């Protein structure tokens, strides 16, 4: 019975149907915005068998044996060599092939040994440069992978994980329970506040803020099972930048003077990425961009970036043998009061 189920699951993954409505929409938009780079990204995004999965080890349940097994399988660590962005406590392994470790099941009272993720989703976490004792806000935290990754980098004095959607908030809480031991749980707060209200609720309360904003999520959109729903979501897509800008304005209010803010999405859309940041820089006098070229140089062997004409932003685009992304990351700093 189990064997049959596994086969069915496996076949289900192999027979994912691409939604033509979404692909046609992406084709029209991204061929214009990205030029030749889109054809490579398109080939990867439409071929799940090429997708790669990174393995983030959990330092709270350190899996020495798994680390040895990963080495034997040909995995290597993200950022081979030293980097000021890459703390020693963070251990993430990548494979250049689309090998996938089995997912671990959630078990009450047992910490998982590793988290499977798109390696590019670590870039916003690393860009935040979290230090021990800092107060940090993860404004749109579900499903919790970036919160877990932040805790692999440092021990914050306080970590506020917010998720406005109740169902996704439960998912976030389960993720934290699966990876974080009790002593660390004591410095974490989970809330279900509308992210646009956080700035007024907690003004200038945080040293670092991560806004991993709701976005088009290109990978999952491409495989929408209902064409009518997909068409509806495409029409609603135009409203997303408005929400993203409102979330960023709230995050800026919640950030202390001198603090750092990182904005990220998992879409290639210029309207949801560069245009959102440009609007913030043009209208928020207390915010300055932070150059991210050194981070891009550090990890250029693992990720493919496309030039986007914005120093404070990076765009990871899926490529052959580097099937990571889409992931956009921008870094901002709040000026100190004069």
C-alpha atoms as a PDB file:
ATOM      1  CA  UNK A   1       0.000   0.000   0.000  1.00  0.00           C
ATOM      2  CA  UNK A   2       2.808   2.414   0.979  1.00  0.00           C
ATOM      3  CA  UNK A   3       4.704   1.565  -2.206  1.00  0.00           C
ATOM      4  CA  UNK A   4       1.641   2.336  -4.323  1.00  0.00           C
ATOM      5  CA  UNK A   5       1.136   5.656  -2.567  1.00  0.00           C
ATOM      6  CA  UNK A   6       4.768   6.628  -3.045  1.00  0.00           C
ATOM      7  CA  UNK A   7       4.539   5.807  -6.727  1.00  0.00           C
ATOM      8  CA  UNK A   8       1.404   7.895  -7.075  1.00  0.00           C
ATOM      9  CA  UNK A   9       3.057  10.801  -5.275  1.00  0.00           C
ATOM     10  CA  UNK A  10       6.116  10.478  -7.461  1.00  0.00           C
ATOM     11  CA  UNK A  11       4.009  10.357 -10.637  1.00  0.00           C
ATOM     12  CA  UNK A  12       2.045  13.363  -9.405  1.00  0.00           C
ATOM     13  CA  UNK A  13       5.239  15.396  -9.197  1.00  0.00           C
ATOM     14  CA  UNK A  14       6.375  14.241 -12.629  1.00  0.00           C
ATOM     15  CA  UNK A  15       3.071  15.042 -14.326  1.00  0.00           C
ATOM     16  CA  UNK A  16       2.646  18.593 -13.018  1.00  0.00           C
ATOM     17  CA  UNK A  17       0.735  20.542 -15.649  1.00  0.00           C
ATOM     18  CA  UNK A  18       1.997  23.936 -16.738  1.00  0.00           C
ATOM     19  CA  UNK A  19      -0.775  26.532 -16.785  1.00  0.00           C
ATOM     20  CA  UNK A  20      -0.749  28.001 -20.309  1.00  0.00           C
ATOM     21  CA  UNK A  21      -2.529  31.194 -19.189  1.00  0.00           C
ATOM     22  CA  UNK A  22       0.268  31.961 -16.705  1.00  0.00           C
ATOM     23  CA  UNK A  23       3.094  30.914 -19.051  1.00  0.00           C
ATOM     24  CA  UNK A  24       1.744  33.151 -21.830  1.00  0.00           C
ATOM     25  CA  UNK A  25       1.524  36.043 -19.356  1.00  0.00           C
ATOM     26  CA  UNK A  26       5.116  35.470 -18.162  1.00  0.00           C
ATOM     27  CA  UNK A  27       6.325  35.098 -21.749  1.00  0.00           C
ATOM     28  CA  UNK A  28       4.928  38.486 -22.688  1.00  0.00           C
ATOM     29  CA  UNK A  29       6.189  40.283 -19.565  1.00  0.00           C
ATOM     30  CA  UNK A  30       9.566  38.653 -18.901  1.00  0.00           C
ATOM     31  CA  UNK A  31      10.835  38.447 -22.470  1.00  0.00           C
ATOM     32  CA  UNK A  32      10.483  42.258 -22.485  1.00  0.00           C
ATOM     33  CA  UNK A  33      11.951  42.816 -18.984  1.00  0.00           C
ATOM     34  CA  UNK A  34      14.752  40.221 -19.034  1.00  0.00           C
ATOM     35  CA  UNK A  35      15.564  39.713 -22.725  1.00  0.00           C
ATOM     36  CA  UNK A  36      17.639  36.608 -23.512  1.00  0.00           C
ATOM     37  CA  UNK A  37      17.929  35.684 -19.814  1.00  0.00           C
ATOM     38  CA  UNK A  38      14.215  34.806 -19.805  1.00  0.00           C
ATOM     39  CA  UNK A  39      14.588  31.884 -22.235  1.00  0.00           C
ATOM     40  CA  UNK A  40      17.059  30.159 -19.881  1.00  0.00           C
ATOM     41  CA  UNK A  41      14.899  30.852 -16.816  1.00  0.00           C
ATOM     42  CA  UNK A  42      11.799  29.660 -18.674  1.00  0.00           C
ATOM     43  CA  UNK A  43      13.458  26.332 -19.520  1.00  0.00           C
ATOM     44  CA  UNK A  44      14.267  25.725 -15.834  1.00  0.00           C
ATOM     45  CA  UNK A  45      10.978  26.980 -14.377  1.00  0.00           C
ATOM     46  CA  UNK A  46       8.934  24.759 -16.697  1.00  0.00           C
ATOM     47  CA  UNK A  47      11.017  21.646 -15.892  1.00  0.00           C
ATOM     48  CA  UNK A  48      10.530  20.582 -12.236  1.00  0.00           C
ATOM     49  CA  UNK A  49      12.855  17.622 -12.838  1.00  0.00           C
ATOM     50  CA  UNK A  50      15.709  20.212 -13.089  1.00  0.00           C
ATOM     51  CA  UNK A  51      14.871  21.947  -9.813  1.00  0.00           C
ATOM     52  CA  UNK A  52      17.475  21.753  -7.057  1.00  0.00           C
ATOM     53  CA  UNK A  53      16.977  21.572  -3.302  1.00  0.00           C
ATOM     54  CA  UNK A  54      19.464  22.883  -0.750  1.00  0.00           C
ATOM     55  CA  UNK A  55      19.815  21.287   2.682  1.00  0.00           C
ATOM     56  CA  UNK A  56      19.971  23.684   5.648  1.00  0.00           C
ATOM     57  CA  UNK A  57      21.234  21.801   8.710  1.00  0.00           C
ATOM     58  CA  UNK A  58      19.652  22.551  12.082  1.00  0.00           C
ATOM     59  CA  UNK A  59      22.320  23.607  14.575  1.00  0.00           C
ATOM     60  CA  UNK A  60      19.937  22.781  17.449  1.00  0.00           C
ATOM     61  CA  UNK A  61      19.982  19.090  16.468  1.00  0.00           C
ATOM     62  CA  UNK A  62      23.350  18.872  14.775  1.00  0.00           C
ATOM     63  CA  UNK A  63      23.386  15.994  12.273  1.00  0.00           C
ATOM     64  CA  UNK A  64      27.060  14.961  11.879  1.00  0.00           C
ATOM     65  CA  UNK A  65      26.150  11.801   9.964  1.00  0.00           C
ATOM     66  CA  UNK A  66      23.997  13.697   7.477  1.00  0.00           C
ATOM     67  CA  UNK A  67      26.853  16.119   6.847  1.00  0.00           C
ATOM     68  CA  UNK A  68      29.169  13.200   6.004  1.00  0.00           C
ATOM     69  CA  UNK A  69      26.504  11.656   3.757  1.00  0.00           C
ATOM     70  CA  UNK A  70      26.055  14.951   1.905  1.00  0.00           C
ATOM     71  CA  UNK A  71      29.816  15.178   1.265  1.00  0.00           C
ATOM     72  CA  UNK A  72      29.773  11.620  -0.110  1.00  0.00           C
ATOM     73  CA  UNK A  73      26.867  12.541  -2.416  1.00  0.00           C
ATOM     74  CA  UNK A  74      28.877  15.425  -3.865  1.00  0.00           C
ATOM     75  CA  UNK A  75      27.166  18.279  -2.039  1.00  0.00           C
ATOM     76  CA  UNK A  76      29.200  21.383  -1.217  1.00  0.00           C
ATOM     77  CA  UNK A  77      28.622  24.232   1.214  1.00  0.00           C
ATOM     78  CA  UNK A  78      27.060  27.476   0.062  1.00  0.00           C
ATOM     79  CA  UNK A  79      29.788  30.129  -0.380  1.00  0.00           C
ATOM     80  CA  UNK A  80      32.805  27.817  -0.562  1.00  0.00           C
ATOM     81  CA  UNK A  81      35.530  29.683   1.279  1.00  0.00           C
ATOM     82  CA  UNK A  82      35.176  32.393   3.898  1.00  0.00           C
ATOM     83  CA  UNK A  83      32.722  35.282   3.676  1.00  0.00           C
ATOM     84  CA  UNK A  84      31.791  38.068   6.095  1.00  0.00           C
ATOM     85  CA  UNK A  85      28.158  37.376   5.154  1.00  0.00           C
ATOM     86  CA  UNK A  86      28.280  33.688   6.042  1.00  0.00           C
ATOM     87  CA  UNK A  87      28.363  32.875   9.783  1.00  0.00           C
ATOM     88  CA  UNK A  88      30.142  29.670  10.834  1.00  0.00           C
ATOM     89  CA  UNK A  89      27.017  28.428  12.610  1.00  0.00           C
ATOM     90  CA  UNK A  90      25.059  28.352   9.322  1.00  0.00           C
ATOM     91  CA  UNK A  91      25.539  25.159   7.360  1.00  0.00           C
ATOM     92  CA  UNK A  92      23.783  24.907   4.015  1.00  0.00           C
ATOM     93  CA  UNK A  93      24.657  22.258   1.438  1.00  0.00           C
ATOM     94  CA  UNK A  94      24.022  22.424  -2.304  1.00  0.00           C
ATOM     95  CA  UNK A  95      24.235  19.881  -5.068  1.00  0.00           C
ATOM     96  CA  UNK A  96      24.797  20.812  -8.709  1.00  0.00           C
ATOM     97  CA  UNK A  97      22.376  18.024  -9.674  1.00  0.00           C
ATOM     98  CA  UNK A  98      18.603  17.968  -8.928  1.00  0.00           C
ATOM     99  CA  UNK A  99      19.088  15.489  -6.074  1.00  0.00           C
ATOM    100  CA  UNK A 100      16.518  15.815  -3.260  1.00  0.00           C
ATOM    101  CA  UNK A 101      16.828  14.592   0.306  1.00  0.00           C
ATOM    102  CA  UNK A 102      13.619  13.093   1.755  1.00  0.00           C
ATOM    103  CA  UNK A 103      11.523  15.534   3.787  1.00  0.00           C
ATOM    104  CA  UNK A 104      11.322  14.892   7.526  1.00  0.00           C
ATOM    105  CA  UNK A 105       7.894  14.566   9.123  1.00  0.00           C
ATOM    106  CA  UNK A 106       6.773  16.845  11.946  1.00  0.00           C
ATOM    107  CA  UNK A 107       6.867  14.976  15.276  1.00  0.00           C
ATOM    108  CA  UNK A 108       5.827  16.676  18.504  1.00  0.00           C
ATOM    109  CA  UNK A 109       8.783  16.916  20.886  1.00  0.00           C
ATOM    110  CA  UNK A 110      11.386  16.027  18.234  1.00  0.00           C
ATOM    111  CA  UNK A 111      13.551  18.544  16.423  1.00  0.00           C
ATOM    112  CA  UNK A 112      14.126  18.080  12.710  1.00  0.00           C
ATOM    113  CA  UNK A 113      17.712  17.749  11.517  1.00  0.00           C
ATOM    114  CA  UNK A 114      17.433  19.760   8.314  1.00  0.00           C
ATOM    115  CA  UNK A 115      15.226  22.049   6.212  1.00  0.00           C
ATOM    116  CA  UNK A 116      14.910  21.728   2.414  1.00  0.00           C
ATOM    117  CA  UNK A 117      14.800  25.043   0.577  1.00  0.00           C
ATOM    118  CA  UNK A 118      15.563  27.018  -2.542  1.00  0.00           C
ATOM    119  CA  UNK A 119      19.126  28.148  -1.748  1.00  0.00           C
ATOM    120  CA  UNK A 120      18.436  31.665  -3.058  1.00  0.00           C
ATOM    121  CA  UNK A 121      15.964  32.167  -0.202  1.00  0.00           C
ATOM    122  CA  UNK A 122      18.972  32.374   2.152  1.00  0.00           C
ATOM    123  CA  UNK A 123      20.195  35.571   0.492  1.00  0.00           C
ATOM    124  CA  UNK A 124      17.684  37.864   2.282  1.00  0.00           C
ATOM    125  CA  UNK A 125      18.677  36.237   5.593  1.00  0.00           C
ATOM    126  CA  UNK A 126      22.404  36.688   4.956  1.00  0.00           C
ATOM    127  CA  UNK A 127      21.883  40.263   3.733  1.00  0.00           C
ATOM    128  CA  UNK A 128      20.297  41.114   7.099  1.00  0.00           C
ATOM    129  CA  UNK A 129      23.642  40.341   8.851  1.00  0.00           C
ATOM    130  CA  UNK A 130      21.984  39.380  12.125  1.00  0.00           C
ATOM    131  CA  UNK A 131      24.104  39.650  15.279  1.00  0.00           C
ATOM    132  CA  UNK A 132      23.609  38.033  18.694  1.00  0.00           C
ATOM    133  CA  UNK A 133      21.266  40.003  20.953  1.00  0.00           C
ATOM    134  CA  UNK A 134      19.581  42.058  18.231  1.00  0.00           C
ATOM    135  CA  UNK A 135      15.830  42.582  18.051  1.00  0.00           C
ATOM    136  CA  UNK A 136      14.540  41.337  14.713  1.00  0.00           C
ATOM    137  CA  UNK A 137      11.160  41.359  12.974  1.00  0.00           C
ATOM    138  CA  UNK A 138      10.169  38.844  10.283  1.00  0.00           C
ATOM    139  CA  UNK A 139       7.087  40.713   9.052  1.00  0.00           C
ATOM    140  CA  UNK A 140       5.607  38.095   6.671  1.00  0.00           C
ATOM    141  CA  UNK A 141       7.093  35.000   8.267  1.00  0.00           C
ATOM    142  CA  UNK A 142       5.104  31.932   7.092  1.00  0.00           C
ATOM    143  CA  UNK A 143       5.942  29.198   6.339  1.00  0.00           C
ATOM    144  CA  UNK A 144       8.935  29.927   8.617  1.00  0.00           C
ATOM    145  CA  UNK A 145      11.999  28.918   6.608  1.00  0.00           C
ATOM    146  CA  UNK A 146      13.647  32.329   6.823  1.00  0.00           C
ATOM    147  CA  UNK A 147      12.937  32.583  10.572  1.00  0.00           C
ATOM    148  CA  UNK A 148      14.605  29.182  11.028  1.00  0.00           C
ATOM    149  CA  UNK A 149      17.547  30.340   8.892  1.00  0.00           C
ATOM    150  CA  UNK A 150      17.915  33.555  10.932  1.00  0.00           C
ATOM    151  CA  UNK A 151      18.236  31.415  14.070  1.00  0.00           C
ATOM    152  CA  UNK A 152      21.026  29.430  12.410  1.00  0.00           C
ATOM    153  CA  UNK A 153      22.981  32.685  11.964  1.00  0.00           C
ATOM    154  CA  UNK A 154      22.787  34.201  15.459  1.00  0.00           C
ATOM    155  CA  UNK A 155      20.916  34.210  18.777  1.00  0.00           C
ATOM    156  CA  UNK A 156      18.629  37.259  18.630  1.00  0.00           C
ATOM    157  CA  UNK A 157      17.656  39.000  21.825  1.00  0.00           C
ATOM    158  CA  UNK A 158      14.098  38.964  20.499  1.00  0.00           C
ATOM    159  CA  UNK A 159      12.567  37.534  17.307  1.00  0.00           C
ATOM    160  CA  UNK A 160       9.070  38.656  16.323  1.00  0.00           C
ATOM    161  CA  UNK A 161       7.530  36.404  13.635  1.00  0.00           C
ATOM    162  CA  UNK A 162       4.362  37.877  12.166  1.00  0.00           C
ATOM    163  CA  UNK A 163       1.884  36.262   9.771  1.00  0.00           C
ATOM    164  CA  UNK A 164      -1.543  37.780   9.158  1.00  0.00           C
ATOM    165  CA  UNK A 165      -3.144  34.672   7.629  1.00  0.00           C
ATOM    166  CA  UNK A 166      -4.384  32.331  10.389  1.00  0.00           C
ATOM    167  CA  UNK A 167      -3.821  29.096   8.465  1.00  0.00           C
ATOM    168  CA  UNK A 168      -0.313  30.114   7.406  1.00  0.00           C
ATOM    169  CA  UNK A 169       0.371  31.256  10.977  1.00  0.00           C
ATOM    170  CA  UNK A 170      -0.326  27.715  12.208  1.00  0.00           C
ATOM    171  CA  UNK A 171       2.100  26.428   9.589  1.00  0.00           C
ATOM    172  CA  UNK A 172       4.693  28.937  10.845  1.00  0.00           C
ATOM    173  CA  UNK A 173       4.233  27.799  14.463  1.00  0.00           C
ATOM    174  CA  UNK A 174       4.632  24.159  13.469  1.00  0.00           C
ATOM    175  CA  UNK A 175       7.851  24.984  11.580  1.00  0.00           C
ATOM    176  CA  UNK A 176       9.282  26.757  14.631  1.00  0.00           C
ATOM    177  CA  UNK A 177       8.281  23.833  16.896  1.00  0.00           C
ATOM    178  CA  UNK A 178      10.056  21.458  14.500  1.00  0.00           C
ATOM    179  CA  UNK A 179      13.388  23.304  14.540  1.00  0.00           C
ATOM    180  CA  UNK A 180      13.744  25.424  17.679  1.00  0.00           C
ATOM    181  CA  UNK A 181      14.444  24.169  21.240  1.00  0.00           C
ATOM    182  CA  UNK A 182      12.583  25.569  24.252  1.00  0.00           C
ATOM    183  CA  UNK A 183      15.261  27.976  25.564  1.00  0.00           C
ATOM    184  CA  UNK A 184      15.316  29.725  22.162  1.00  0.00           C
ATOM    185  CA  UNK A 185      11.505  29.621  21.830  1.00  0.00           C
ATOM    186  CA  UNK A 186      11.412  31.901  24.881  1.00  0.00           C
ATOM    187  CA  UNK A 187      12.801  34.823  22.830  1.00  0.00           C
ATOM    188  CA  UNK A 188      10.321  34.302  19.953  1.00  0.00           C
ATOM    189  CA  UNK A 189       6.896  35.894  19.628  1.00  0.00           C
ATOM    190  CA  UNK A 190       4.407  34.835  16.930  1.00  0.00           C
ATOM    191  CA  UNK A 191       1.621  37.277  16.014  1.00  0.00           C
ATOM    192  CA  UNK A 192      -1.184  37.460  13.427  1.00  0.00           C
ATOM    193  CA  UNK A 193      -1.224  41.217  12.916  1.00  0.00           C
ATOM    194  CA  UNK A 194      -1.875  42.805   9.523  1.00  0.00           C
ATOM    195  CA  UNK A 195       1.712  43.673   8.571  1.00  0.00           C
ATOM    196  CA  UNK A 196       0.604  47.136   7.469  1.00  0.00           C
ATOM    197  CA  UNK A 197      -0.238  47.930  11.117  1.00  0.00           C
ATOM    198  CA  UNK A 198       3.019  46.701  12.659  1.00  0.00           C
ATOM    199  CA  UNK A 199       4.802  50.057  12.352  1.00  0.00           C
ATOM    200  CA  UNK A 200       2.153  51.829  14.397  1.00  0.00           C
ATOM    201  CA  UNK A 201       1.948  48.965  16.911  1.00  0.00           C
ATOM    202  CA  UNK A 202       5.756  48.720  17.445  1.00  0.00           C
ATOM    203  CA  UNK A 203       7.379  52.000  16.336  1.00  0.00           C
ATOM    204  CA  UNK A 204      11.201  51.958  16.147  1.00  0.00           C
ATOM    205  CA  UNK A 205      11.303  48.686  18.108  1.00  0.00           C
ATOM    206  CA  UNK A 206      13.629  46.581  15.919  1.00  0.00           C
ATOM    207  CA  UNK A 207      17.308  46.584  14.931  1.00  0.00           C
ATOM    208  CA  UNK A 208      16.658  44.506  11.796  1.00  0.00           C
ATOM    209  CA  UNK A 209      13.481  43.900   9.765  1.00  0.00           C
ATOM    210  CA  UNK A 210      12.892  41.297   7.064  1.00  0.00           C
ATOM    211  CA  UNK A 211       9.990  41.853   4.650  1.00  0.00           C
ATOM    212  CA  UNK A 212       9.668  38.679   2.575  1.00  0.00           C
ATOM    213  CA  UNK A 213       6.592  40.099   0.890  1.00  0.00           C
ATOM    214  CA  UNK A 214       3.543  38.345  -0.567  1.00  0.00           C
ATOM    215  CA  UNK A 215       4.267  38.197  -4.307  1.00  0.00           C
ATOM    216  CA  UNK A 216       3.398  36.477  -7.571  1.00  0.00           C
ATOM    217  CA  UNK A 217       5.562  33.449  -6.657  1.00  0.00           C
ATOM    218  CA  UNK A 218       6.449  32.527 -10.245  1.00  0.00           C
ATOM    219  CA  UNK A 219       7.278  28.861  -9.608  1.00  0.00           C
ATOM    220  CA  UNK A 220       3.955  27.923  -8.031  1.00  0.00           C
ATOM    221  CA  UNK A 221       1.893  30.164 -10.351  1.00  0.00           C
ATOM    222  CA  UNK A 222       3.215  28.307 -13.397  1.00  0.00           C
ATOM    223  CA  UNK A 223       1.587  25.118 -12.145  1.00  0.00           C
ATOM    224  CA  UNK A 224      -1.826  26.543 -11.194  1.00  0.00           C
ATOM    225  CA  UNK A 225      -4.337  23.727 -11.679  1.00  0.00           C
ATOM    226  CA  UNK A 226      -7.317  25.999 -12.369  1.00  0.00           C
ATOM    227  CA  UNK A 227      -6.935  28.269 -15.438  1.00  0.00           C
ATOM    228  CA  UNK A 228      -9.830  30.527 -14.420  1.00  0.00           C
ATOM    229  CA  UNK A 229      -8.354  31.105 -10.957  1.00  0.00           C
ATOM    230  CA  UNK A 230      -4.958  31.690 -12.559  1.00  0.00           C
ATOM    231  CA  UNK A 231      -6.421  34.335 -14.893  1.00  0.00           C
ATOM    232  CA  UNK A 232      -8.089  35.996 -11.887  1.00  0.00           C
ATOM    233  CA  UNK A 233      -4.785  36.050  -9.973  1.00  0.00           C
ATOM    234  CA  UNK A 234      -3.030  37.599 -12.973  1.00  0.00           C
ATOM    235  CA  UNK A 235      -5.563  40.447 -12.987  1.00  0.00           C
ATOM    236  CA  UNK A 236      -5.044  40.881  -9.219  1.00  0.00           C
ATOM    237  CA  UNK A 237      -1.266  40.922  -9.733  1.00  0.00           C
ATOM    238  CA  UNK A 238      -1.365  44.638 -10.527  1.00  0.00           C
ATOM    239  CA  UNK A 239      -2.489  45.340  -6.943  1.00  0.00           C
ATOM    240  CA  UNK A 240       0.428  43.503  -5.305  1.00  0.00           C
ATOM    241  CA  UNK A 241       2.930  46.410  -5.509  1.00  0.00           C
ATOM    242  CA  UNK A 242       0.467  48.588  -3.561  1.00  0.00           C
ATOM    243  CA  UNK A 243       0.403  46.020  -0.725  1.00  0.00           C
ATOM    244  CA  UNK A 244       4.195  45.574  -0.887  1.00  0.00           C
ATOM    245  CA  UNK A 245       4.792  49.322  -0.597  1.00  0.00           C
ATOM    246  CA  UNK A 246       2.373  49.563   2.359  1.00  0.00           C
ATOM    247  CA  UNK A 247       4.163  46.684   4.107  1.00  0.00           C
ATOM    248  CA  UNK A 248       7.524  48.375   3.545  1.00  0.00           C
ATOM    249  CA  UNK A 249       6.288  51.694   4.923  1.00  0.00           C
ATOM    250  CA  UNK A 250       5.059  49.870   8.030  1.00  0.00           C
ATOM    251  CA  UNK A 251       8.392  48.020   8.345  1.00  0.00           C
ATOM    252  CA  UNK A 252      10.294  51.315   8.131  1.00  0.00           C
ATOM    253  CA  UNK A 253       8.213  52.704  11.006  1.00  0.00           C
ATOM    254  CA  UNK A 254       9.006  49.583  13.062  1.00  0.00           C
ATOM    255  CA  UNK A 255      12.757  49.918  12.377  1.00  0.00           C
ATOM    256  CA  UNK A 256      14.945  51.888  14.765  1.00  0.00           C
ATOM    257  CA  UNK A 257      17.111  54.714  13.373  1.00  0.00           C
ATOM    258  CA  UNK A 258      20.350  53.190  12.096  1.00  0.00           C
ATOM    259  CA  UNK A 259      18.682  49.811  11.596  1.00  0.00           C
ATOM    260  CA  UNK A 260      18.718  47.609   8.479  1.00  0.00           C
ATOM    261  CA  UNK A 261      15.760  46.427   6.418  1.00  0.00           C
ATOM    262  CA  UNK A 262      15.788  43.687   3.761  1.00  0.00           C
ATOM    263  CA  UNK A 263      12.987  43.329   1.208  1.00  0.00           C
ATOM    264  CA  UNK A 264      12.588  40.124  -0.810  1.00  0.00           C
ATOM    265  CA  UNK A 265      10.236  38.362  -3.208  1.00  0.00           C
ATOM    266  CA  UNK A 266      10.288  35.117  -5.215  1.00  0.00           C
ATOM    267  CA  UNK A 267       9.176  36.700  -8.492  1.00  0.00           C
ATOM    268  CA  UNK A 268      11.038  38.102 -11.499  1.00  0.00           C
ATOM    269  CA  UNK A 269       8.490  40.925 -11.844  1.00  0.00           C
ATOM    270  CA  UNK A 270      10.065  44.377 -12.100  1.00  0.00           C
ATOM    271  CA  UNK A 271       6.823  45.972 -10.815  1.00  0.00           C
ATOM    272  CA  UNK A 272       7.079  43.965  -7.577  1.00  0.00           C
ATOM    273  CA  UNK A 273      10.834  44.347  -7.202  1.00  0.00           C
ATOM    274  CA  UNK A 274      12.819  47.320  -8.453  1.00  0.00           C
ATOM    275  CA  UNK A 275       9.773  49.565  -8.913  1.00  0.00           C
ATOM    276  CA  UNK A 276       8.647  49.008  -5.308  1.00  0.00           C
ATOM    277  CA  UNK A 277      12.098  49.903  -3.957  1.00  0.00           C
ATOM    278  CA  UNK A 278      12.386  52.919  -6.264  1.00  0.00           C
ATOM    279  CA  UNK A 279       9.051  54.206  -4.940  1.00  0.00           C
ATOM    280  CA  UNK A 280      10.235  53.780  -1.327  1.00  0.00           C
ATOM    281  CA  UNK A 281      13.562  55.543  -2.005  1.00  0.00           C
ATOM    282  CA  UNK A 282      11.759  58.403  -3.767  1.00  0.00           C
ATOM    283  CA  UNK A 283       9.209  58.959  -1.000  1.00  0.00           C
ATOM    284  CA  UNK A 284      10.931  58.018   2.294  1.00  0.00           C
ATOM    285  CA  UNK A 285      13.544  60.643   3.154  1.00  0.00           C
ATOM    286  CA  UNK A 286      14.913  58.639   6.106  1.00  0.00           C
ATOM    287  CA  UNK A 287      15.818  55.571   3.992  1.00  0.00           C
ATOM    288  CA  UNK A 288      19.077  55.047   2.065  1.00  0.00           C
ATOM    289  CA  UNK A 289      20.062  52.127  -0.216  1.00  0.00           C
ATOM    290  CA  UNK A 290      22.827  49.714   0.840  1.00  0.00           C
ATOM    291  CA  UNK A 291      25.136  48.466  -1.930  1.00  0.00           C
ATOM    292  CA  UNK A 292      24.931  44.667  -2.350  1.00  0.00           C
ATOM    293  CA  UNK A 293      27.645  44.150  -4.970  1.00  0.00           C
ATOM    294  CA  UNK A 294      30.014  42.479  -2.500  1.00  0.00           C
ATOM    295  CA  UNK A 295      27.370  39.895  -1.554  1.00  0.00           C
ATOM    296  CA  UNK A 296      26.771  39.190  -5.258  1.00  0.00           C
ATOM    297  CA  UNK A 297      30.512  38.727  -5.853  1.00  0.00           C
ATOM    298  CA  UNK A 298      30.776  36.387  -2.876  1.00  0.00           C
ATOM    299  CA  UNK A 299      28.141  33.985  -4.165  1.00  0.00           C
ATOM    300  CA  UNK A 300      28.423  34.373  -7.954  1.00  0.00           C
ATOM    301  CA  UNK A 301      29.688  30.792  -8.278  1.00  0.00           C
ATOM    302  CA  UNK A 302      26.450  29.453  -6.764  1.00  0.00           C
ATOM    303  CA  UNK A 303      23.852  31.847  -8.231  1.00  0.00           C
ATOM    304  CA  UNK A 304      23.172  33.550 -11.552  1.00  0.00           C
ATOM    305  CA  UNK A 305      22.298  37.240 -11.240  1.00  0.00           C
ATOM    306  CA  UNK A 306      20.829  39.460 -13.928  1.00  0.00           C
ATOM    307  CA  UNK A 307      21.713  43.167 -14.074  1.00  0.00           C
ATOM    308  CA  UNK A 308      18.772  45.277 -12.926  1.00  0.00           C
ATOM    309  CA  UNK A 309      20.300  48.751 -12.689  1.00  0.00           C
ATOM    310  CA  UNK A 310      19.795  49.091  -8.945  1.00  0.00           C
ATOM    311  CA  UNK A 311      22.782  48.939  -6.576  1.00  0.00           C
ATOM    312  CA  UNK A 312      20.766  47.993  -3.515  1.00  0.00           C
ATOM    313  CA  UNK A 313      18.982  45.109  -5.303  1.00  0.00           C
ATOM    314  CA  UNK A 314      19.937  41.638  -6.552  1.00  0.00           C
ATOM    315  CA  UNK A 315      17.866  39.365  -8.798  1.00  0.00           C
ATOM    316  CA  UNK A 316      18.661  35.641  -8.867  1.00  0.00           C
ATOM    317  CA  UNK A 317      17.417  33.958 -12.023  1.00  0.00           C
ATOM    318  CA  UNK A 318      17.204  30.149 -12.492  1.00  0.00           C
ATOM    319  CA  UNK A 319      20.008  28.808 -14.669  1.00  0.00           C
ATOM    320  CA  UNK A 320      21.294  25.412 -15.780  1.00  0.00           C
ATOM    321  CA  UNK A 321      23.141  23.745 -12.868  1.00  0.00           C
ATOM    322  CA  UNK A 322      22.164  26.743 -10.696  1.00  0.00           C
ATOM    323  CA  UNK A 323      18.387  26.266 -10.675  1.00  0.00           C
ATOM    324  CA  UNK A 324      17.897  28.668  -7.769  1.00  0.00           C
ATOM    325  CA  UNK A 325      15.435  31.541  -7.664  1.00  0.00           C
ATOM    326  CA  UNK A 326      13.589  33.540  -8.719  1.00  0.00           C
ATOM    327  CA  UNK A 327      14.651  35.665  -5.757  1.00  0.00           C
ATOM    328  CA  UNK A 328      14.855  39.418  -5.518  1.00  0.00           C
ATOM    329  CA  UNK A 329      16.662  41.001  -2.536  1.00  0.00           C
ATOM    330  CA  UNK A 330      17.062  44.685  -1.677  1.00  0.00           C
ATOM    331  CA  UNK A 331      18.789  46.192   1.340  1.00  0.00           C
ATOM    332  CA  UNK A 332      17.937  49.541   2.948  1.00  0.00           C
ATOM    333  CA  UNK A 333      19.152  51.500   5.969  1.00  0.00           C
ATOM    334  CA  UNK A 334      17.204  53.929   8.143  1.00  0.00           C
ATOM    335  CA  UNK A 335      19.041  57.160   8.838  1.00  0.00           C
ATOM    336  CA  UNK A 336      19.787  58.152  12.411  1.00  0.00           C
ATOM    337  CA  UNK A 337      17.812  61.090  13.784  1.00  0.00           C
ATOM    338  CA  UNK A 338      19.686  64.359  13.366  1.00  0.00           C
END
